[in-house]
């Protein structure tokens, strides 16, 4: 193997090593971004569940009030008749 071939091989190996280092760095960055995104998703899901619970509670209270109003309306209609 000639010296030129060895030098060319050495250059290619250095490029591969640099590429592996870069890919590892990119992987670490992506894993960190993924973790942050997962944490945000969990918080979002918790918030959404809280809103859904609140919505259900409000809906129940409104239905109760509407039922009471309907009862009062029916009671007043029977008294007038």
Protein backbone atom coordinates (compact mmCIF):
# COMPACT_ATOMS: atom_id res chain seq x y z
CA UNK A 1 0.00 0.00 0.00
CA UNK A 2 1.48 3.33 -1.00
CA UNK A 3 1.82 6.35 1.27
CA UNK A 4 -0.78 8.23 -0.79
CA UNK A 5 -3.29 5.43 -0.26
CA UNK A 6 -2.61 5.41 3.49
CA UNK A 7 -3.03 9.18 3.68
CA UNK A 8 -6.28 9.01 1.70
CA UNK A 9 -7.52 6.25 4.01
CA UNK A 10 -6.53 8.32 7.04
CA UNK A 11 -8.48 11.31 5.70
CA UNK A 12 -11.55 9.14 5.13
CA UNK A 13 -11.28 7.66 8.63
CA UNK A 14 -11.02 11.16 10.15
CA UNK A 15 -14.11 12.23 8.21
CA UNK A 16 -15.98 9.18 9.46
CA UNK A 17 -14.91 9.87 13.03
CA UNK A 18 -16.05 13.49 12.69
CA UNK A 19 -19.36 12.30 11.26
CA UNK A 20 -19.87 9.86 14.15
CA UNK A 21 -19.12 12.62 16.68
CA UNK A 22 -21.55 14.96 14.92
CA UNK A 23 -24.25 12.28 14.78
CA UNK A 24 -23.82 11.51 18.48
CA UNK A 25 -24.14 15.21 19.27
CA UNK A 26 -27.26 15.46 17.10
CA UNK A 27 -28.71 12.37 18.77
CA UNK A 28 -28.13 13.82 22.24
CA UNK A 29 -29.77 17.10 21.20
CA UNK A 30 -32.76 15.29 19.71
CA UNK A 31 -33.16 13.13 22.82
CA UNK A 32 -33.17 16.27 24.97
CA UNK A 33 -35.75 17.93 22.71
CA UNK A 34 -37.86 14.77 22.84
CA UNK A 35 -37.75 14.74 26.64
CA UNK A 36 -38.81 18.39 26.78
CA UNK A 37 -41.62 17.72 24.32
CA UNK A 38 -42.81 14.74 26.37
CA UNK A 39 -42.83 16.83 29.55
CA UNK A 40 -44.80 19.55 27.80
CA UNK A 41 -47.24 16.96 26.48
CA UNK A 42 -47.80 15.57 30.00
CA UNK A 43 -48.43 19.08 31.35
CA UNK A 44 -50.76 19.80 28.44
CA UNK A 45 -52.66 16.56 29.06
CA UNK A 46 -53.01 17.40 32.76
CA UNK A 47 -54.26 20.88 31.93
CA UNK A 48 -56.67 19.52 29.34
CA UNK A 49 -58.03 17.01 31.85
CA UNK A 50 -58.49 19.82 34.36
CA UNK A 51 -60.42 21.86 31.81
CA UNK A 52 -62.53 18.82 30.93
CA UNK A 53 -63.31 18.21 34.60
CA UNK A 54 -64.23 21.86 35.05
CA UNK A 55 -66.40 21.78 31.92
CA UNK A 56 -68.22 18.70 33.18
CA UNK A 57 -68.77 20.35 36.56
CA UNK A 58 -70.09 23.55 35.00
CA UNK A 59 -72.34 21.60 32.63
CA UNK A 60 -73.77 19.64 35.56
CA UNK A 61 -74.43 22.81 37.53
CA UNK A 62 -76.10 24.50 34.54
CA UNK A 63 -78.28 21.46 33.93
CA UNK A 64 -79.28 21.49 37.61
CA UNK A 65 -80.21 25.20 37.45
CA UNK A 66 -82.12 24.67 34.20
CA UNK A 67 -83.97 21.79 35.82
CA UNK A 68 -84.90 24.00 38.77
CA UNK A 69 -86.05 26.75 36.41
CA UNK A 70 -88.12 24.24 34.45
CA UNK A 71 -89.66 23.00 37.70
CA UNK A 72 -90.51 26.57 38.70
CA UNK A 73 -91.98 27.23 35.27
CA UNK A 74 -94.10 24.08 35.46
CA UNK A 75 -95.19 24.95 38.98
CA UNK A 76 -96.26 28.46 37.98
CA UNK A 77 -98.12 27.11 34.92
CA UNK A 78 -100.09 24.71 37.10
CA UNK A 79 -101.01 27.50 39.53
CA UNK A 80 -102.23 29.75 36.72
CA UNK A 81 -104.36 27.03 35.13
